[in-house]
Amino acid sequence: SSTEMLIGTRLSGGVLKLRTADGTTALTIDSSQNATFAGDVVVGDITLSSSTISDSSALTISSGDDIVIDAESDVNIDANGGDIRFKDNGTNFVTFSSSGATTLQGNNGNASHTLLKIHNNDVTSNTETGQTADIEFNFEGTTNGGSSFVTKNAGAIRAGKDSDYFTSSADNMDSHLKFYTAQDNVNTLALTLGSDQS
C-alpha cells in the first residue's frame, strides 16, 4: 500500500532487530510478535524498567472491571506520605496512618464521617507511664435535619499501660482496659479491668 511503510523479514521464524548507532540491539521482535526492549520503556512520565513501573507524578490505573493483585509471596504497600487510604468512588472509608491512627469511615449519602478510630498515644513520651491504645466510636448526624453534620462521641475502649519503662525482657508491663459510655457527647468511664482481672 502507498500509505504504509513495512519493516520486516521474509524468513520463516525470522527475528527483527533494531540497533543503535554503536550496534547495540535496542529492540527485538520475534516471529510470535513478542517485543523485547533492551532498556527502559518511557511513555510520557511513566517508565517501565524491568519489573518496576514508575511515574514522576501521580499514577492512575483505571479498569472497567475488577483489578486483581495476586502475589505468590507478600504484597507490600509503601506510602512515603504516611497515609494509605481506601476509597469507594472517591469517598474515603478506611485510612491507615503511620502516625499510629487507623480510621474507619461511613457515609450516609451526604457526608463521610469517622465511625471508628484506633490509635496509640504518647509513643514518643519521655516517660512511658500512661501510654494508651484507644478505640473510639463515633456517630455523626445533623442538629436540624439539614446537610450540616456534626460528630458526637459514642463510647470508647482504652488499653492503658500502668508501669513505667520496659525491662530487658519487657515482662513487667502491667496494663488495664477501660470501657467508656457516652452521654451528651462526653465519654464517661463505666468499667475498668485491671491487670489482676478485677
C-alpha atoms as a PDB file:
ATOM      1  CA  SER A   1       0.000   0.000   0.000  1.00  0.00           C
ATOM      2  CA  SER A   2       1.240   3.505  -0.801  1.00  0.00           C
ATOM      3  CA  THR A   3       0.106   4.708   2.655  1.00  0.00           C
ATOM      4  CA  GLU A   4       2.144   2.158   4.637  1.00  0.00           C
ATOM      5  CA  MET A   5       5.804   1.590   5.318  1.00  0.00           C
ATOM      6  CA  LEU A   6       6.617  -2.001   6.237  1.00  0.00           C
ATOM      7  CA  ILE A   7       9.758  -3.110   8.043  1.00  0.00           C
ATOM      8  CA  GLY A   8      10.175  -6.866   8.449  1.00  0.00           C
ATOM      9  CA  THR A   9      11.760 -10.109   7.331  1.00  0.00           C
ATOM     10  CA  ARG A  10      10.505 -12.736   4.913  1.00  0.00           C
ATOM     11  CA  LEU A  11      12.471 -15.545   6.585  1.00  0.00           C
ATOM     12  CA  SER A  12      10.406 -18.181   8.368  1.00  0.00           C
ATOM     13  CA  GLY A  13      10.954 -17.780  12.086  1.00  0.00           C
ATOM     14  CA  GLY A  14      12.950 -14.661  11.404  1.00  0.00           C
ATOM     15  CA  VAL A  15      13.670 -12.049  14.050  1.00  0.00           C
ATOM     16  CA  LEU A  16      13.581  -8.293  13.558  1.00  0.00           C
ATOM     17  CA  LYS A  17      16.167  -6.297  15.479  1.00  0.00           C
ATOM     18  CA  LEU A  18      16.597  -2.567  15.771  1.00  0.00           C
ATOM     19  CA  ARG A  19      20.082  -1.413  16.705  1.00  0.00           C
ATOM     20  CA  THR A  20      21.549   1.875  17.842  1.00  0.00           C
ATOM     21  CA  ALA A  21      24.452   3.592  16.074  1.00  0.00           C
ATOM     22  CA  ASP A  22      27.049   1.627  18.049  1.00  0.00           C
ATOM     23  CA  GLY A  23      25.485  -1.683  17.014  1.00  0.00           C
ATOM     24  CA  THR A  24      23.713  -2.402  20.320  1.00  0.00           C
ATOM     25  CA  THR A  25      20.347  -4.134  19.919  1.00  0.00           C
ATOM     26  CA  ALA A  26      17.638  -1.888  21.392  1.00  0.00           C
ATOM     27  CA  LEU A  27      14.533  -3.828  20.317  1.00  0.00           C
ATOM     28  CA  THR A  28      13.927  -7.423  19.254  1.00  0.00           C
ATOM     29  CA  ILE A  29      10.650  -8.634  17.705  1.00  0.00           C
ATOM     30  CA  ASP A  30      10.368 -12.383  17.174  1.00  0.00           C
ATOM     31  CA  SER A  31       8.119 -14.356  14.840  1.00  0.00           C
ATOM     32  CA  SER A  32       5.414 -14.593  17.528  1.00  0.00           C
ATOM     33  CA  GLN A  33       5.184 -10.792  17.661  1.00  0.00           C
ATOM     34  CA  ASN A  34       6.821 -10.623  21.084  1.00  0.00           C
ATOM     35  CA  ALA A  35       8.794  -7.411  21.562  1.00  0.00           C
ATOM     36  CA  THR A  36      11.803  -7.285  23.891  1.00  0.00           C
ATOM     37  CA  PHE A  37      13.353  -3.949  24.789  1.00  0.00           C
ATOM     38  CA  ALA A  38      16.961  -3.911  25.931  1.00  0.00           C
ATOM     39  CA  GLY A  39      16.444  -0.861  28.155  1.00  0.00           C
ATOM     40  CA  ASP A  40      13.616   1.047  29.819  1.00  0.00           C
ATOM     41  CA  VAL A  41      10.360   1.902  28.085  1.00  0.00           C
ATOM     42  CA  VAL A  42       9.311   5.513  28.631  1.00  0.00           C
ATOM     43  CA  VAL A  43       5.827   6.822  27.783  1.00  0.00           C
ATOM     44  CA  GLY A  44       5.273  10.392  28.909  1.00  0.00           C
ATOM     45  CA  ASP A  45       6.017  10.495  32.657  1.00  0.00           C
ATOM     46  CA  ILE A  46       5.771   6.701  33.018  1.00  0.00           C
ATOM     47  CA  THR A  47       8.850   4.490  32.949  1.00  0.00           C
ATOM     48  CA  LEU A  48       8.766   0.713  32.703  1.00  0.00           C
ATOM     49  CA  SER A  49      12.076  -0.667  33.913  1.00  0.00           C
ATOM     50  CA  SER A  50      12.378  -4.430  34.325  1.00  0.00           C
ATOM     51  CA  SER A  51       9.603  -5.246  36.847  1.00  0.00           C
ATOM     52  CA  THR A  52       9.145  -1.665  38.093  1.00  0.00           C
ATOM     53  CA  ILE A  53       6.631   0.925  36.862  1.00  0.00           C
ATOM     54  CA  SER A  54       7.452   4.464  37.984  1.00  0.00           C
ATOM     55  CA  ASP A  55       5.911   7.866  37.379  1.00  0.00           C
ATOM     56  CA  SER A  56       7.316  11.291  38.203  1.00  0.00           C
ATOM     57  CA  SER A  57       3.800  12.497  39.057  1.00  0.00           C
ATOM     58  CA  ALA A  58       0.524  10.875  40.180  1.00  0.00           C
ATOM     59  CA  LEU A  59      -0.119   7.456  38.618  1.00  0.00           C
ATOM     60  CA  THR A  60      -3.648   6.180  37.961  1.00  0.00           C
ATOM     61  CA  ILE A  61      -4.576   2.624  36.971  1.00  0.00           C
ATOM     62  CA  SER A  62      -8.121   2.556  35.604  1.00  0.00           C
ATOM     63  CA  SER A  63     -10.151  -0.567  34.909  1.00  0.00           C
ATOM     64  CA  GLY A  64     -13.687  -1.140  33.640  1.00  0.00           C
ATOM     65  CA  ASP A  65     -13.944  -4.185  35.909  1.00  0.00           C
ATOM     66  CA  ASP A  66     -12.064  -5.708  38.851  1.00  0.00           C
ATOM     67  CA  ILE A  67      -8.357  -5.220  39.490  1.00  0.00           C
ATOM     68  CA  VAL A  68      -6.711  -8.333  40.917  1.00  0.00           C
ATOM     69  CA  ILE A  69      -3.352  -8.242  42.723  1.00  0.00           C
ATOM     70  CA  ASP A  70      -2.168 -11.834  43.043  1.00  0.00           C
ATOM     71  CA  ALA A  71       1.266 -12.380  44.566  1.00  0.00           C
ATOM     72  CA  GLU A  72       2.895 -15.743  45.139  1.00  0.00           C
ATOM     73  CA  SER A  73       4.660 -14.119  48.096  1.00  0.00           C
ATOM     74  CA  ASP A  74       3.761 -10.922  50.004  1.00  0.00           C
ATOM     75  CA  VAL A  75       2.055  -7.700  48.894  1.00  0.00           C
ATOM     76  CA  ASN A  76       3.823  -4.540  50.110  1.00  0.00           C
ATOM     77  CA  ILE A  77       2.162  -1.122  50.018  1.00  0.00           C
ATOM     78  CA  ASP A  78       4.726   1.598  50.718  1.00  0.00           C
ATOM     79  CA  ALA A  79       3.396   5.160  51.131  1.00  0.00           C
ATOM     80  CA  ASN A  80       6.103   7.702  51.877  1.00  0.00           C
ATOM     81  CA  GLY A  81       3.421  10.297  52.624  1.00  0.00           C
ATOM     82  CA  GLY A  82       2.416   8.384  55.754  1.00  0.00           C
ATOM     83  CA  ASP A  83      -1.205   7.537  54.889  1.00  0.00           C
ATOM     84  CA  ILE A  84      -2.819   4.662  52.990  1.00  0.00           C
ATOM     85  CA  ARG A  85      -6.433   5.367  52.009  1.00  0.00           C
ATOM     86  CA  PHE A  86      -9.134   3.067  50.666  1.00  0.00           C
ATOM     87  CA  LYS A  87     -11.921   4.800  48.748  1.00  0.00           C
ATOM     88  CA  ASP A  88     -15.302   3.966  47.238  1.00  0.00           C
ATOM     89  CA  ASN A  89     -15.975   6.104  44.154  1.00  0.00           C
ATOM     90  CA  GLY A  90     -13.708   8.812  45.541  1.00  0.00           C
ATOM     91  CA  THR A  91     -15.079   8.675  49.107  1.00  0.00           C
ATOM     92  CA  ASN A  92     -12.596   7.646  51.793  1.00  0.00           C
ATOM     93  CA  PHE A  93     -13.732   4.839  54.104  1.00  0.00           C
ATOM     94  CA  VAL A  94     -10.538   3.417  55.670  1.00  0.00           C
ATOM     95  CA  THR A  95      -7.278   5.228  56.461  1.00  0.00           C
ATOM     96  CA  PHE A  96      -4.094   3.667  57.816  1.00  0.00           C
ATOM     97  CA  SER A  97      -1.650   6.259  59.118  1.00  0.00           C
ATOM     98  CA  SER A  98       1.975   5.946  60.188  1.00  0.00           C
ATOM     99  CA  SER A  99       1.136   8.418  62.968  1.00  0.00           C
ATOM    100  CA  GLY A 100      -0.482   5.473  64.764  1.00  0.00           C
ATOM    101  CA  ALA A 101      -4.127   6.121  63.873  1.00  0.00           C
ATOM    102  CA  THR A 102      -6.416   3.904  61.817  1.00  0.00           C
ATOM    103  CA  THR A 103      -9.878   5.211  60.972  1.00  0.00           C
ATOM    104  CA  LEU A 104     -12.988   3.547  59.550  1.00  0.00           C
ATOM    105  CA  GLN A 105     -15.394   5.977  57.961  1.00  0.00           C
ATOM    106  CA  GLY A 106     -19.029   5.784  56.929  1.00  0.00           C
ATOM    107  CA  ASN A 107     -21.152   7.805  54.556  1.00  0.00           C
ATOM    108  CA  ASN A 108     -24.879   8.407  54.847  1.00  0.00           C
ATOM    109  CA  GLY A 109     -25.128   9.774  51.327  1.00  0.00           C
ATOM    110  CA  ASN A 110     -24.453  13.381  52.260  1.00  0.00           C
ATOM    111  CA  ALA A 111     -21.081  13.371  54.011  1.00  0.00           C
ATOM    112  CA  SER A 112     -18.422  10.992  55.282  1.00  0.00           C
ATOM    113  CA  HIS A 113     -17.674  10.730  58.986  1.00  0.00           C
ATOM    114  CA  THR A 114     -15.455   8.680  61.284  1.00  0.00           C
ATOM    115  CA  LEU A 115     -17.195   5.637  62.791  1.00  0.00           C
ATOM    116  CA  LEU A 116     -14.168   4.031  64.398  1.00  0.00           C
ATOM    117  CA  LYS A 117     -10.699   5.281  65.275  1.00  0.00           C
ATOM    118  CA  ILE A 118      -7.855   3.138  66.607  1.00  0.00           C
ATOM    119  CA  HIS A 119      -4.747   4.955  67.742  1.00  0.00           C
ATOM    120  CA  ASN A 120      -1.727   4.752  70.007  1.00  0.00           C
ATOM    121  CA  ASN A 121      -0.969   7.737  72.241  1.00  0.00           C
ATOM    122  CA  ASP A 122       2.239   9.040  73.800  1.00  0.00           C
ATOM    123  CA  VAL A 123       4.607   6.801  71.850  1.00  0.00           C
ATOM    124  CA  THR A 124       7.304   9.481  71.975  1.00  0.00           C
ATOM    125  CA  SER A 125       6.839  10.415  75.601  1.00  0.00           C
ATOM    126  CA  ASN A 126       9.962  10.572  77.760  1.00  0.00           C
ATOM    127  CA  THR A 127       8.102   8.594  80.407  1.00  0.00           C
ATOM    128  CA  GLU A 128       6.156   5.549  79.260  1.00  0.00           C
ATOM    129  CA  THR A 129       3.627   5.502  82.089  1.00  0.00           C
ATOM    130  CA  GLY A 130       0.220   6.455  80.775  1.00  0.00           C
ATOM    131  CA  GLN A 131       0.674   5.231  77.221  1.00  0.00           C
ATOM    132  CA  THR A 132      -2.645   4.141  75.781  1.00  0.00           C
ATOM    133  CA  ALA A 133      -4.087   2.435  72.719  1.00  0.00           C
ATOM    134  CA  ASP A 134      -7.605   3.652  72.091  1.00  0.00           C
ATOM    135  CA  ILE A 135     -10.614   2.515  70.118  1.00  0.00           C
ATOM    136  CA  GLU A 136     -13.088   5.365  69.765  1.00  0.00           C
ATOM    137  CA  PHE A 137     -16.646   5.013  68.481  1.00  0.00           C
ATOM    138  CA  ASN A 138     -18.464   7.975  66.955  1.00  0.00           C
ATOM    139  CA  PHE A 139     -21.821   8.882  65.487  1.00  0.00           C
ATOM    140  CA  GLU A 140     -22.441  11.732  63.095  1.00  0.00           C
ATOM    141  CA  GLY A 141     -25.769  13.377  62.433  1.00  0.00           C
ATOM    142  CA  THR A 142     -27.485  16.682  61.976  1.00  0.00           C
ATOM    143  CA  THR A 143     -28.918  19.003  64.558  1.00  0.00           C
ATOM    144  CA  ASN A 144     -31.704  20.241  62.303  1.00  0.00           C
ATOM    145  CA  GLY A 145     -32.225  17.561  59.646  1.00  0.00           C
ATOM    146  CA  GLY A 146     -30.194  19.553  57.133  1.00  0.00           C
ATOM    147  CA  SER A 147     -26.862  18.914  55.456  1.00  0.00           C
ATOM    148  CA  SER A 148     -24.634  20.324  58.216  1.00  0.00           C
ATOM    149  CA  PHE A 149     -23.121  17.350  60.044  1.00  0.00           C
ATOM    150  CA  VAL A 150     -21.523  17.158  63.455  1.00  0.00           C
ATOM    151  CA  THR A 151     -19.659  14.231  65.046  1.00  0.00           C
ATOM    152  CA  LYS A 152     -20.676  13.015  68.501  1.00  0.00           C
ATOM    153  CA  ASN A 153     -18.887  10.628  70.838  1.00  0.00           C
ATOM    154  CA  ALA A 154     -20.438   7.178  71.122  1.00  0.00           C
ATOM    155  CA  GLY A 155     -18.113   5.497  73.609  1.00  0.00           C
ATOM    156  CA  ALA A 156     -14.563   4.171  73.707  1.00  0.00           C
ATOM    157  CA  ILE A 157     -12.344   1.289  74.775  1.00  0.00           C
ATOM    158  CA  ARG A 158      -8.886   2.121  76.083  1.00  0.00           C
ATOM    159  CA  ALA A 159      -5.938  -0.177  76.775  1.00  0.00           C
ATOM    160  CA  GLY A 160      -3.598   1.597  79.158  1.00  0.00           C
ATOM    161  CA  LYS A 161      -0.061   0.946  80.345  1.00  0.00           C
ATOM    162  CA  ASP A 162       0.366   1.125  84.126  1.00  0.00           C
ATOM    163  CA  SER A 163       4.077   0.667  84.740  1.00  0.00           C
ATOM    164  CA  ASP A 164       6.998   2.829  83.664  1.00  0.00           C
ATOM    165  CA  TYR A 165       9.585   1.661  81.117  1.00  0.00           C
ATOM    166  CA  PHE A 166      10.180  -1.878  79.940  1.00  0.00           C
ATOM    167  CA  THR A 167      12.846  -4.096  81.401  1.00  0.00           C
ATOM    168  CA  SER A 168      15.090  -6.001  79.017  1.00  0.00           C
ATOM    169  CA  SER A 169      12.535  -8.817  78.951  1.00  0.00           C
ATOM    170  CA  ALA A 170       9.546  -6.426  78.844  1.00  0.00           C
ATOM    171  CA  ASP A 171       7.622  -8.863  81.055  1.00  0.00           C
ATOM    172  CA  ASN A 172       6.974  -6.292  83.772  1.00  0.00           C
ATOM    173  CA  MET A 173       4.331  -4.326  81.877  1.00  0.00           C
ATOM    174  CA  ASP A 174       1.003  -4.109  83.679  1.00  0.00           C
ATOM    175  CA  SER A 175      -1.972  -2.742  81.808  1.00  0.00           C
ATOM    176  CA  HIS A 176      -5.702  -2.185  82.078  1.00  0.00           C
ATOM    177  CA  LEU A 177      -8.803  -1.960  79.915  1.00  0.00           C
ATOM    178  CA  LYS A 178     -11.279   0.862  80.373  1.00  0.00           C
ATOM    179  CA  PHE A 179     -14.750   1.000  78.853  1.00  0.00           C
ATOM    180  CA  TYR A 180     -16.471   4.345  78.291  1.00  0.00           C
ATOM    181  CA  THR A 181     -20.089   5.142  77.524  1.00  0.00           C
ATOM    182  CA  ALA A 182     -21.221   8.459  76.099  1.00  0.00           C
ATOM    183  CA  GLN A 183     -23.762  10.942  77.396  1.00  0.00           C
ATOM    184  CA  ASP A 184     -24.291  14.430  75.992  1.00  0.00           C
ATOM    185  CA  ASN A 185     -21.242  13.991  73.732  1.00  0.00           C
ATOM    186  CA  VAL A 186     -18.951  13.164  76.673  1.00  0.00           C
ATOM    187  CA  ASN A 187     -17.275   9.769  77.064  1.00  0.00           C
ATOM    188  CA  THR A 188     -17.582   8.704  80.707  1.00  0.00           C
ATOM    189  CA  LEU A 189     -15.681   5.842  82.319  1.00  0.00           C
ATOM    190  CA  ALA A 190     -18.071   2.977  83.026  1.00  0.00           C
ATOM    191  CA  LEU A 191     -15.835  -0.033  83.752  1.00  0.00           C
ATOM    192  CA  THR A 192     -12.153  -0.718  84.427  1.00  0.00           C
ATOM    193  CA  LEU A 193     -10.482  -4.128  84.218  1.00  0.00           C
ATOM    194  CA  GLY A 194      -7.076  -4.105  85.855  1.00  0.00           C
ATOM    195  CA  SER A 195      -4.046  -6.288  85.256  1.00  0.00           C
ATOM    196  CA  ASP A 196      -5.287  -8.618  88.019  1.00  0.00           C
ATOM    197  CA  GLN A 197      -8.544  -9.108  86.053  1.00  0.00           C
ATOM    198  CA  SER A 198     -10.555  -7.188  88.654  1.00  0.00           C
END
